[in-house]
Amino acid sequence: MKKRVLAVVIVLVCLGGVACIKTLSTSSVGLPQLAFDNIEALASGESDTYRCYGTGDVDCHGYKVDKMYSDYSLK
């Protein structure tokens, strides 16, 4: 009786493992458009357009200024 229960448990564990492997191998991992947009934005670098105002302790491309503004583009 114990051998039969053990055999059934082993068969069920094997079937469960095969089902998990099959599910993981057939699932498609696709990146949504938002992920591609984020990758493109990170790869594009920073813009060189900036404005520096006043005199203070903020570093703006080698100058100490009060405020610095950069232009960003959202497409």
N, C-alpha and C. Protein backbone atom coordinates (compact mmCIF):
# COMPACT_ATOMS: atom_id res chain seq x y z
N MET A 1 0.82 -1.19 0.00
CA MET A 1 0.00 0.00 0.00
C MET A 1 0.87 1.26 0.00
N LYS A 2 1.93 1.27 0.82
CA LYS A 2 2.81 2.43 0.88
C LYS A 2 3.55 2.63 -0.44
N LYS A 3 3.93 1.53 -1.09
CA LYS A 3 4.62 1.65 -2.37
C LYS A 3 3.71 2.26 -3.43
N ARG A 4 2.43 1.90 -3.40
CA ARG A 4 1.47 2.43 -4.37
C ARG A 4 1.27 3.93 -4.15
N VAL A 5 1.14 4.37 -2.90
CA VAL A 5 0.97 5.80 -2.59
C VAL A 5 2.22 6.57 -2.99
N LEU A 6 3.37 6.01 -2.68
CA LEU A 6 4.63 6.65 -3.06
C LEU A 6 4.75 6.78 -4.57
N ALA A 7 4.35 5.75 -5.31
CA ALA A 7 4.41 5.79 -6.77
C ALA A 7 3.46 6.86 -7.31
N VAL A 8 2.27 6.98 -6.74
CA VAL A 8 1.31 8.00 -7.19
C VAL A 8 1.86 9.39 -6.92
N VAL A 9 2.45 9.59 -5.74
CA VAL A 9 3.03 10.90 -5.41
C VAL A 9 4.17 11.25 -6.36
N ILE A 10 5.02 10.29 -6.66
CA ILE A 10 6.13 10.55 -7.58
C ILE A 10 5.61 10.90 -8.97
N VAL A 11 4.60 10.19 -9.44
CA VAL A 11 4.03 10.47 -10.76
C VAL A 11 3.41 11.87 -10.78
N LEU A 12 2.70 12.25 -9.72
CA LEU A 12 2.09 13.58 -9.66
C LEU A 12 3.14 14.69 -9.62
N VAL A 13 4.21 14.48 -8.89
CA VAL A 13 5.30 15.47 -8.84
C VAL A 13 5.95 15.60 -10.21
N CYS A 14 6.16 14.50 -10.88
CA CYS A 14 6.75 14.54 -12.22
C CYS A 14 5.84 15.26 -13.21
N LEU A 15 4.57 14.96 -13.15
CA LEU A 15 3.62 15.65 -14.04
C LEU A 15 3.55 17.15 -13.75
N GLY A 16 3.59 17.50 -12.48
CA GLY A 16 3.60 18.91 -12.12
C GLY A 16 4.85 19.62 -12.62
N GLY A 17 5.99 18.96 -12.49
CA GLY A 17 7.23 19.53 -12.99
C GLY A 17 7.23 19.71 -14.49
N VAL A 18 6.72 18.71 -15.21
CA VAL A 18 6.62 18.81 -16.68
C VAL A 18 5.68 19.95 -17.06
N ALA A 19 4.57 20.09 -16.35
CA ALA A 19 3.61 21.16 -16.65
C ALA A 19 4.24 22.53 -16.41
N CYS A 20 5.01 22.67 -15.33
CA CYS A 20 5.68 23.95 -15.05
C CYS A 20 6.72 24.29 -16.11
N ILE A 21 7.50 23.30 -16.48
CA ILE A 21 8.53 23.53 -17.50
C ILE A 21 7.89 23.88 -18.83
N LYS A 22 6.83 23.21 -19.19
CA LYS A 22 6.14 23.49 -20.45
C LYS A 22 5.57 24.90 -20.44
N THR A 23 4.97 25.32 -19.32
CA THR A 23 4.39 26.66 -19.22
C THR A 23 5.47 27.72 -19.31
N LEU A 24 6.60 27.52 -18.65
CA LEU A 24 7.67 28.51 -18.68
C LEU A 24 8.34 28.60 -20.04
N SER A 25 8.45 27.47 -20.74
CA SER A 25 9.14 27.49 -22.02
C SER A 25 8.27 28.04 -23.14
N THR A 26 6.95 27.97 -23.02
CA THR A 26 6.09 28.46 -24.09
C THR A 26 5.62 29.89 -23.86
N SER A 27 5.85 30.44 -22.68
CA SER A 27 5.40 31.82 -22.44
C SER A 27 6.32 32.78 -23.18
N SER A 28 5.73 33.71 -23.88
CA SER A 28 6.51 34.69 -24.61
C SER A 28 6.74 35.90 -23.72
N VAL A 29 7.98 36.31 -23.66
CA VAL A 29 8.34 37.46 -22.85
C VAL A 29 8.55 38.62 -23.82
N GLY A 30 7.54 39.44 -23.98
CA GLY A 30 7.63 40.58 -24.87
C GLY A 30 7.65 41.87 -24.07
N LEU A 31 8.42 42.82 -24.56
CA LEU A 31 8.47 44.11 -23.89
C LEU A 31 7.38 45.01 -24.46
N PRO A 32 6.63 45.65 -23.60
CA PRO A 32 5.61 46.58 -24.11
C PRO A 32 6.27 47.83 -24.70
N GLN A 33 5.48 48.59 -25.40
CA GLN A 33 6.00 49.78 -26.07
C GLN A 33 6.61 50.76 -25.08
N LEU A 34 6.04 50.86 -23.88
CA LEU A 34 6.58 51.77 -22.87
C LEU A 34 8.02 51.41 -22.51
N ALA A 35 8.33 50.13 -22.42
CA ALA A 35 9.69 49.72 -22.12
C ALA A 35 10.65 50.12 -23.24
N PHE A 36 10.23 49.96 -24.49
CA PHE A 36 11.07 50.38 -25.61
C PHE A 36 11.27 51.89 -25.62
N ASP A 37 10.22 52.66 -25.28
CA ASP A 37 10.34 54.11 -25.21
C ASP A 37 11.33 54.52 -24.12
N ASN A 38 11.29 53.83 -22.97
CA ASN A 38 12.22 54.14 -21.88
C ASN A 38 13.65 53.82 -22.28
N ILE A 39 13.87 52.71 -22.97
CA ILE A 39 15.21 52.35 -23.42
C ILE A 39 15.72 53.38 -24.41
N GLU A 40 14.87 53.81 -25.31
CA GLU A 40 15.26 54.82 -26.30
C GLU A 40 15.58 56.14 -25.63
N ALA A 41 14.80 56.54 -24.64
CA ALA A 41 15.05 57.79 -23.94
C ALA A 41 16.37 57.74 -23.18
N LEU A 42 16.68 56.61 -22.57
CA LEU A 42 17.95 56.49 -21.87
C LEU A 42 19.13 56.49 -22.82
N ALA A 43 18.96 55.93 -23.99
CA ALA A 43 20.05 55.85 -24.96
C ALA A 43 20.28 57.16 -25.69
N SER A 44 19.28 58.04 -25.72
CA SER A 44 19.41 59.26 -26.50
C SER A 44 20.32 60.30 -25.84
N GLY A 45 20.59 60.18 -24.56
CA GLY A 45 21.48 61.12 -23.89
C GLY A 45 20.73 62.36 -23.43
N GLU A 46 21.50 63.33 -22.96
CA GLU A 46 20.91 64.56 -22.46
C GLU A 46 21.06 65.66 -23.51
N SER A 47 20.15 66.62 -23.44
CA SER A 47 20.21 67.73 -24.39
C SER A 47 21.27 68.72 -23.93
N ASP A 48 21.82 69.45 -24.88
CA ASP A 48 22.83 70.45 -24.57
C ASP A 48 22.21 71.82 -24.33
N THR A 49 20.89 71.91 -24.39
CA THR A 49 20.23 73.19 -24.21
C THR A 49 20.02 73.43 -22.72
N TYR A 50 20.61 74.52 -22.22
CA TYR A 50 20.45 74.85 -20.81
C TYR A 50 20.55 76.36 -20.65
N ARG A 51 20.02 76.84 -19.55
CA ARG A 51 20.07 78.26 -19.24
C ARG A 51 20.53 78.41 -17.79
N CYS A 52 21.44 79.34 -17.56
CA CYS A 52 21.96 79.59 -16.23
C CYS A 52 21.61 81.02 -15.83
N TYR A 53 21.12 81.20 -14.60
CA TYR A 53 20.68 82.51 -14.14
C TYR A 53 21.31 82.84 -12.79
N GLY A 54 21.75 84.09 -12.64
CA GLY A 54 22.20 84.60 -11.36
C GLY A 54 23.57 84.11 -10.96
N THR A 55 23.94 84.49 -9.75
CA THR A 55 25.21 84.09 -9.17
C THR A 55 24.92 83.36 -7.87
N GLY A 56 25.47 82.17 -7.73
CA GLY A 56 25.19 81.39 -6.53
C GLY A 56 26.12 80.20 -6.42
N ASP A 57 25.61 79.09 -5.89
CA ASP A 57 26.47 77.93 -5.67
C ASP A 57 26.05 76.68 -6.45
N VAL A 58 25.22 76.84 -7.48
CA VAL A 58 24.83 75.72 -8.34
C VAL A 58 25.79 75.66 -9.51
N ASP A 59 26.36 74.48 -9.79
CA ASP A 59 27.31 74.33 -10.88
C ASP A 59 26.56 74.19 -12.19
N CYS A 60 26.80 75.10 -13.11
CA CYS A 60 26.15 75.09 -14.42
C CYS A 60 27.23 75.11 -15.49
N HIS A 61 27.73 73.93 -15.85
CA HIS A 61 28.74 73.77 -16.89
C HIS A 61 29.95 74.66 -16.64
N GLY A 62 30.46 74.60 -15.44
CA GLY A 62 31.68 75.32 -15.10
C GLY A 62 31.46 76.67 -14.44
N TYR A 63 30.25 77.15 -14.39
CA TYR A 63 29.95 78.44 -13.78
C TYR A 63 29.10 78.22 -12.53
N LYS A 64 29.32 79.04 -11.52
CA LYS A 64 28.51 78.98 -10.31
C LYS A 64 27.35 79.96 -10.47
N VAL A 65 26.11 79.42 -10.49
CA VAL A 65 24.93 80.24 -10.74
C VAL A 65 23.89 79.98 -9.65
N ASP A 66 22.83 80.80 -9.66
CA ASP A 66 21.74 80.65 -8.70
C ASP A 66 20.74 79.60 -9.17
N LYS A 67 20.40 79.62 -10.48
CA LYS A 67 19.42 78.68 -11.03
C LYS A 67 19.89 78.17 -12.37
N MET A 68 19.56 76.91 -12.65
CA MET A 68 19.89 76.31 -13.94
C MET A 68 18.65 75.61 -14.47
N TYR A 69 18.31 75.85 -15.74
CA TYR A 69 17.15 75.22 -16.37
C TYR A 69 17.62 74.48 -17.61
N SER A 70 17.13 73.28 -17.77
CA SER A 70 17.41 72.47 -18.96
C SER A 70 16.12 72.19 -19.69
N ASP A 71 16.19 72.13 -21.01
CA ASP A 71 15.02 71.82 -21.81
C ASP A 71 14.92 70.32 -21.98
N TYR A 72 13.73 69.79 -21.75
CA TYR A 72 13.45 68.37 -21.94
C TYR A 72 12.34 68.23 -22.97
N SER A 73 12.40 67.19 -23.75
CA SER A 73 11.42 66.96 -24.80
C SER A 73 10.64 65.69 -24.48
N LEU A 74 9.33 65.79 -24.50
CA LEU A 74 8.46 64.63 -24.34
C LEU A 74 7.74 64.41 -25.66
N LYS A 75 8.03 63.33 -26.32
CA LYS A 75 7.40 63.07 -27.62
C LYS A 75 6.18 62.23 -27.44
